[in-house]
Protein backbone atom coordinates (compact mmCIF):
# COMPACT_ATOMS: atom_id res chain seq x y z
CA UNK A 1 60.14 -63.78 -83.96
CA UNK A 2 63.38 -62.02 -82.63
CA UNK A 3 61.89 -59.13 -83.27
CA UNK A 4 58.84 -59.36 -81.44
CA UNK A 5 60.51 -60.37 -78.65
CA UNK A 6 62.86 -57.53 -78.44
CA UNK A 7 59.74 -55.13 -78.74
CA UNK A 8 57.84 -56.97 -75.90
CA UNK A 9 60.57 -56.44 -73.33
CA UNK A 10 60.92 -52.54 -74.73
CA UNK A 11 57.05 -52.58 -73.88
CA UNK A 12 57.35 -54.43 -70.55
CA UNK A 13 60.49 -52.23 -69.41
CA UNK A 14 58.65 -48.97 -70.49
CA UNK A 15 55.64 -50.28 -68.37
CA UNK A 16 58.22 -50.52 -65.26
CA UNK A 17 59.78 -47.40 -65.76
CA UNK A 18 56.28 -45.32 -65.98
CA UNK A 19 54.66 -47.23 -63.23
CA UNK A 20 57.96 -46.21 -61.59
CA UNK A 21 57.88 -42.93 -62.18
CA UNK A 22 54.37 -42.78 -61.15
CA UNK A 23 54.78 -44.70 -57.43
CA UNK A 24 57.47 -41.98 -57.11
CA UNK A 25 55.24 -39.47 -58.08
CA UNK A 26 52.90 -40.24 -55.37
CA UNK A 27 55.41 -40.82 -52.85
CA UNK A 28 57.01 -37.15 -52.75
CA UNK A 29 53.05 -35.93 -52.66
CA UNK A 30 52.00 -35.15 -49.16
CA UNK A 31 47.84 -34.24 -48.38
CA UNK A 32 46.98 -32.86 -44.91
CA UNK A 33 43.85 -33.09 -43.50
CA UNK A 34 42.61 -30.40 -40.97
CA UNK A 35 39.60 -29.33 -39.30
CA UNK A 36 38.52 -27.07 -36.18
CA UNK A 37 35.80 -28.34 -33.36
CA UNK A 38 34.29 -31.84 -32.29
CA UNK A 39 32.20 -33.46 -34.56
CA UNK A 40 31.52 -37.03 -35.88
CA UNK A 41 30.02 -35.78 -39.35
CA UNK A 42 34.32 -34.56 -40.00
CA UNK A 43 35.66 -38.07 -38.86
CA UNK A 44 33.41 -39.89 -40.93
CA UNK A 45 34.23 -38.26 -44.08
CA UNK A 46 37.90 -38.39 -42.76
CA UNK A 47 37.38 -41.88 -42.13
CA UNK A 48 36.15 -42.71 -45.75
CA UNK A 49 38.69 -40.12 -47.47
CA UNK A 50 41.76 -41.94 -45.64
CA UNK A 51 40.59 -45.48 -46.66
CA UNK A 52 40.04 -44.69 -49.84
CA UNK A 53 42.98 -43.05 -50.49
CA UNK A 54 45.10 -45.65 -49.45
CA UNK A 55 43.43 -47.51 -52.39
CA UNK A 56 44.11 -45.40 -55.04
CA UNK A 57 47.67 -44.32 -54.01
CA UNK A 58 48.68 -45.93 -50.84
CA UNK A 59 52.27 -44.06 -51.26
CA UNK A 60 50.84 -40.37 -50.54
CA UNK A 61 51.74 -39.27 -47.03
CA UNK A 62 49.33 -38.08 -45.30
CA UNK A 63 48.82 -35.88 -42.48
CA UNK A 64 46.35 -35.15 -40.20
CA UNK A 65 45.64 -31.97 -37.09
CA UNK A 66 42.22 -32.81 -36.24
CA UNK A 67 39.71 -31.35 -33.65
CA UNK A 68 42.08 -27.84 -33.75
CA UNK A 69 41.04 -25.76 -31.02
CA UNK A 70 39.28 -22.74 -32.86
CA UNK A 71 39.88 -20.87 -36.37
CA UNK A 72 42.82 -18.75 -34.85
CA UNK A 73 44.58 -22.05 -34.03
CA UNK A 74 43.24 -23.69 -37.75
CA UNK A 75 44.59 -21.12 -39.70
CA UNK A 76 48.05 -20.81 -38.30
CA UNK A 77 47.67 -24.81 -39.10
CA UNK A 78 46.74 -24.09 -42.51
CA UNK A 79 49.35 -21.50 -43.22
CA UNK A 80 52.56 -24.01 -41.86
CA UNK A 81 50.59 -26.39 -44.19
CA UNK A 82 50.88 -24.29 -47.39
CA UNK A 83 54.95 -24.87 -46.42
CA UNK A 84 54.87 -28.40 -46.99
CA UNK A 85 51.96 -30.02 -48.39
CA UNK A 86 51.16 -30.81 -52.57
CA UNK A 87 47.25 -30.26 -50.87
CA UNK A 88 44.82 -29.10 -48.07
CA UNK A 89 41.98 -30.84 -47.46
CA UNK A 90 39.70 -29.16 -44.85
CA UNK A 91 37.10 -30.46 -43.82
CA UNK A 92 33.79 -28.48 -42.09
CA UNK A 93 31.65 -25.75 -43.02
CA UNK A 94 34.28 -23.65 -41.03
CA UNK A 95 37.25 -24.20 -43.13
CA UNK A 96 35.02 -23.61 -46.67
CA UNK A 97 34.37 -20.83 -45.10
CA UNK A 98 37.88 -19.75 -44.31
CA UNK A 99 38.93 -21.04 -47.53
CA UNK A 100 36.54 -18.17 -49.58
CA UNK A 101 38.56 -15.58 -47.16
CA UNK A 102 42.34 -16.44 -48.77
CA UNK A 103 44.28 -16.97 -51.48
CA UNK A 104 45.60 -20.34 -51.04
CA UNK A 105 48.94 -21.95 -52.48
CA UNK A 106 48.06 -25.17 -53.03
CA UNK A 107 45.10 -27.11 -53.96
CA UNK A 108 42.35 -27.36 -51.42
CA UNK A 109 39.31 -29.87 -50.91
CA UNK A 110 36.36 -29.16 -49.19
CA UNK A 111 34.44 -31.61 -47.31
CA UNK A 112 31.65 -32.62 -44.58
CA UNK A 113 30.55 -28.69 -45.18
CA UNK A 114 26.92 -27.32 -46.71
CA UNK A 115 26.85 -25.93 -50.05
CA UNK A 116 30.79 -24.03 -50.96
CA UNK A 117 28.57 -21.93 -53.32
CA UNK A 118 26.42 -20.90 -50.05
CA UNK A 119 29.27 -20.66 -47.77
CA UNK A 120 30.68 -17.69 -50.68
CA UNK A 121 33.63 -20.52 -51.57
CA UNK A 122 33.17 -21.32 -55.23
CA UNK A 123 31.11 -19.81 -57.29
CA UNK A 124 31.03 -22.46 -60.36
CA UNK A 125 30.62 -25.82 -58.57
CA UNK A 126 30.94 -27.33 -61.97
CA UNK A 127 33.15 -25.94 -63.13
CA UNK A 128 36.01 -23.99 -59.56
CA UNK A 129 37.68 -20.93 -60.52
CA UNK A 130 40.31 -21.50 -58.13
CA UNK A 131 41.79 -23.60 -55.86
CA UNK A 132 39.35 -25.04 -54.19
CA UNK A 133 37.00 -28.34 -55.13
CA UNK A 134 36.02 -31.19 -53.39
CA UNK A 135 32.46 -32.39 -51.61
CA UNK A 136 29.25 -31.15 -49.90
CA UNK A 137 26.88 -33.00 -47.89
CA UNK A 138 24.07 -30.27 -49.85
CA UNK A 139 20.92 -32.09 -50.91
CA UNK A 140 18.66 -29.70 -52.28
CA UNK A 141 15.31 -28.60 -49.95
CA UNK A 142 13.16 -29.63 -52.80
CA UNK A 143 14.39 -33.31 -52.93
CA UNK A 144 14.35 -32.95 -48.67
CA UNK A 145 10.52 -32.00 -48.67
CA UNK A 146 9.73 -34.60 -51.36
CA UNK A 147 10.59 -37.10 -49.04
CA UNK A 148 9.02 -34.69 -45.54
CA UNK A 149 5.72 -34.18 -47.88
CA UNK A 150 5.76 -38.26 -48.70
CA UNK A 151 6.20 -39.69 -44.97
CA UNK A 152 4.08 -36.93 -43.25
CA UNK A 153 1.65 -35.71 -46.13
CA UNK A 154 -1.29 -34.29 -43.59
CA UNK A 155 1.73 -31.63 -41.78
CA UNK A 156 0.64 -28.01 -42.16
CA UNK A 157 3.57 -26.70 -39.77
CA UNK A 158 7.09 -27.24 -39.26
CA UNK A 159 10.14 -26.14 -36.09
CA UNK A 160 13.34 -26.09 -38.19
CA UNK A 161 15.87 -26.36 -35.19
CA UNK A 162 19.67 -24.58 -35.73
CA UNK A 163 22.78 -23.59 -33.73
CA UNK A 164 23.47 -19.58 -33.41
CA UNK A 165 26.34 -18.94 -35.53
CA UNK A 166 26.75 -21.75 -37.45
CA UNK A 167 27.54 -21.47 -40.91
CA UNK A 168 25.18 -23.53 -42.63
CA UNK A 169 22.67 -21.99 -40.28
CA UNK A 170 21.60 -19.17 -42.65
CA UNK A 171 21.71 -21.76 -45.53
CA UNK A 172 19.13 -24.19 -44.12
CA UNK A 173 16.77 -20.98 -43.18
CA UNK A 174 16.34 -20.18 -46.03
CA UNK A 175 15.54 -23.22 -48.38
CA UNK A 176 14.05 -24.86 -45.15
CA UNK A 177 11.53 -21.23 -45.41
CA UNK A 178 11.51 -21.04 -49.18
CA UNK A 179 9.83 -24.42 -49.73
CA UNK A 180 8.14 -23.48 -46.23
CA UNK A 181 6.10 -20.83 -48.79
CA UNK A 182 5.73 -22.69 -51.98
CA UNK A 183 4.13 -25.59 -50.54
CA UNK A 184 2.35 -23.20 -47.89
CA UNK A 185 3.52 -25.02 -44.99
CA UNK A 186 3.70 -22.60 -41.24
CA UNK A 187 7.30 -22.18 -41.33
CA UNK A 188 8.89 -21.78 -37.73
CA UNK A 189 12.38 -22.25 -35.97
CA UNK A 190 14.41 -22.56 -33.20
CA UNK A 191 18.02 -20.83 -33.38
CA UNK A 192 20.03 -21.64 -30.00
CA UNK A 193 23.80 -21.17 -28.65
CA UNK A 194 24.04 -23.93 -26.47
CA UNK A 195 22.57 -27.18 -25.51
CA UNK A 196 20.08 -25.79 -22.27
CA UNK A 197 18.87 -23.28 -24.45
CA UNK A 198 18.38 -25.83 -27.18
CA UNK A 199 16.31 -28.16 -25.34
CA UNK A 200 14.16 -25.62 -23.50
CA UNK A 201 13.03 -23.91 -26.67
CA UNK A 202 12.15 -26.78 -28.69
CA UNK A 203 10.63 -27.72 -25.73
CA UNK A 204 8.11 -24.35 -26.12
CA UNK A 205 8.67 -24.99 -29.97
CA UNK A 206 6.73 -28.92 -30.16
CA UNK A 207 2.68 -27.97 -29.01
CA UNK A 208 3.32 -24.99 -32.06
CA UNK A 209 4.08 -27.22 -34.29
CA UNK A 210 3.61 -30.73 -36.80
CA UNK A 211 6.99 -31.69 -37.97
CA UNK A 212 10.01 -30.81 -36.19
CA UNK A 213 13.88 -30.46 -38.60
CA UNK A 214 16.93 -31.51 -37.40
CA UNK A 215 19.42 -28.68 -39.57
CA UNK A 216 22.90 -29.90 -40.13
CA UNK A 217 24.70 -28.20 -37.28
CA UNK A 218 26.71 -29.27 -35.01
CA UNK A 219 24.80 -28.39 -31.60
CA UNK A 220 21.54 -29.42 -33.02
CA UNK A 221 23.11 -33.09 -34.39
CA UNK A 222 25.13 -33.99 -30.86
CA UNK A 223 21.59 -33.39 -28.90
CA UNK A 224 19.50 -35.72 -31.16
CA UNK A 225 19.21 -37.93 -28.52
CA UNK A 226 17.89 -34.72 -26.25
CA UNK A 227 15.70 -33.72 -28.88
CA UNK A 228 13.90 -37.13 -29.86
CA UNK A 229 13.08 -38.09 -26.02
CA UNK A 230 10.90 -34.00 -26.37
CA UNK A 231 9.68 -35.34 -29.70
CA UNK A 232 8.65 -38.50 -28.09
CA UNK A 233 6.72 -36.99 -25.38
CA UNK A 234 5.37 -34.51 -27.54
CA UNK A 235 4.41 -37.19 -30.23
CA UNK A 236 5.90 -35.13 -32.54
CA UNK A 237 7.53 -36.57 -35.61
CA UNK A 238 11.34 -35.33 -36.00
CA UNK A 239 13.10 -35.57 -39.49
CA UNK A 240 16.64 -34.93 -40.25
CA UNK A 241 18.84 -33.51 -42.38
CA UNK A 242 21.90 -35.26 -40.68
CA UNK A 243 23.20 -38.63 -41.51
CA UNK A 244 22.75 -40.65 -37.94
CA UNK A 245 20.08 -39.82 -36.30
CA UNK A 246 17.69 -41.49 -37.01
CA UNK A 247 19.68 -44.85 -35.23
CA UNK A 248 19.47 -42.38 -32.53
CA UNK A 249 15.48 -41.82 -33.14
CA UNK A 250 14.81 -39.43 -35.49
CA UNK A 251 11.42 -40.46 -36.99
CA UNK A 252 12.93 -40.43 -40.49
CA UNK A 253 16.41 -38.97 -41.86
CA UNK A 254 17.28 -38.07 -45.94
CA UNK A 255 20.99 -37.70 -46.12
CA UNK A 256 24.37 -38.13 -47.91
CA UNK A 257 26.53 -40.64 -46.62
CA UNK A 258 29.80 -39.00 -45.10
CA UNK A 259 31.73 -42.21 -45.35
CA UNK A 260 31.02 -42.33 -49.24
CA UNK A 261 31.23 -38.53 -49.74
CA UNK A 262 34.96 -39.41 -47.75
CA UNK A 263 35.84 -41.97 -50.91
CA UNK A 264 34.55 -39.60 -53.60
CA UNK A 265 36.73 -36.88 -51.89
CA UNK A 266 39.67 -39.23 -52.04
CA UNK A 267 38.78 -39.50 -55.53
CA UNK A 268 39.21 -35.77 -56.40
CA UNK A 269 42.76 -35.28 -53.98
CA UNK A 270 43.85 -38.33 -56.33
CA UNK A 271 42.73 -36.32 -59.76
CA UNK A 272 44.39 -33.13 -58.21
CA UNK A 273 47.48 -33.90 -56.10
CA UNK A 274 48.39 -37.02 -58.05
CA UNK A 275 47.47 -37.03 -61.98
CA UNK A 276 47.40 -33.33 -61.54
CA UNK A 277 44.51 -32.51 -62.95
CA UNK A 278 43.57 -28.62 -62.92
CA UNK A 279 41.23 -28.06 -60.92
CA UNK A 280 38.17 -26.34 -62.62
CA UNK A 281 38.07 -29.61 -64.17
CA UNK A 282 37.34 -31.34 -60.90
CA UNK A 283 33.73 -30.55 -60.19
CA UNK A 284 32.72 -30.25 -56.33
CA UNK A 285 30.61 -33.56 -56.09
CA UNK A 286 27.57 -34.35 -53.89
CA UNK A 287 26.03 -38.07 -53.18
CA UNK A 288 23.95 -38.75 -55.80
CA UNK A 289 21.95 -41.25 -53.78
CA UNK A 290 21.05 -40.08 -50.44
CA UNK A 291 19.67 -42.25 -48.06
CA UNK A 292 16.16 -42.01 -47.14
CA UNK A 293 15.91 -44.12 -43.81
CA UNK A 294 13.19 -44.58 -41.64
CA UNK A 295 13.12 -45.80 -38.04
CA UNK A 296 10.57 -48.67 -37.13
CA UNK A 297 9.76 -47.97 -33.54
CA UNK A 298 8.81 -44.01 -33.85
CA UNK A 299 6.85 -44.46 -36.91
CA UNK A 300 4.79 -47.34 -34.58
CA UNK A 301 5.08 -45.16 -31.76
CA UNK A 302 3.70 -42.21 -33.69
CA UNK A 303 0.60 -44.09 -35.09
CA UNK A 304 1.97 -43.64 -38.53
CA UNK A 305 1.33 -45.75 -41.67
CA UNK A 306 3.61 -45.49 -44.17
CA UNK A 307 2.67 -46.03 -48.29
CA UNK A 308 4.22 -48.99 -50.12
CA UNK A 309 6.10 -47.04 -52.42
CA UNK A 310 7.53 -45.16 -49.62
CA UNK A 311 8.91 -48.25 -48.19
CA UNK A 312 10.32 -49.32 -51.40
CA UNK A 313 12.46 -46.49 -51.48
CA UNK A 314 13.86 -45.98 -47.93
CA UNK A 315 15.52 -48.23 -45.42
CA UNK A 316 13.87 -48.50 -42.67
CA UNK A 317 15.62 -49.87 -38.92
CA UNK A 318 14.23 -51.50 -36.21
């Protein structure tokens, strides 16, 4: 009995020592979160990330530098963080592109970004070959067009709205055009450099297409209300690749949940920075269940009738 008691006490002491060591190890870790420019998507990813990190590793010290003026300044911030941080989260597609051009000294993580494979950041999403992993809002275009065809089966022509110079623009162009070719849909696009050009060129486009598609580029996302106004006047449905546009009036969206991706990103950072897991063993993550959201008011204004099987797997907002 005495021997059993001694063993139990020893085990308890060992657990306390191990637990204390883990907390000490976590407490010594520092992680930075940064991004360039203004974007709601990065904020939502960051919110999910910070919330989950507090749950997973409350003693990890997290520093944020957000809405950095430009990529020159962002590069300087990044290299300063390399000297003091155990991990760097560089959000947005511009951050992923930056990481494709440098050899990071510490583990780095992407998020709020399009597919890092297409951005040149990582060659193998399942087993990242360098020091970069993370999450992506990317959804395969076949899956996007399955939703589009189920919602708008009679559409024969689409117009994709894009931002000039955005890293995600060629990705959305290639993926959307490929699906249009596969399905025999007529493809048009607007590639705009500012809000005025975007709205003016979209207004010209609506008479030529039966469906507008909002890309995941910042300029298009930020002008959702103006674009919805045009689509409503012309009775042209509008489908969004980005989260949160259906609640602003887009007819429907199929998009990853940004806050969920932020939480998934925290899991990857915890695995690499706190647990010491090799980056190669932490795959780039996608939202396994992107949300199909339908705006009921837009559907009714367009006189659309959606089949029950579509409504059963969608979220409908008023």
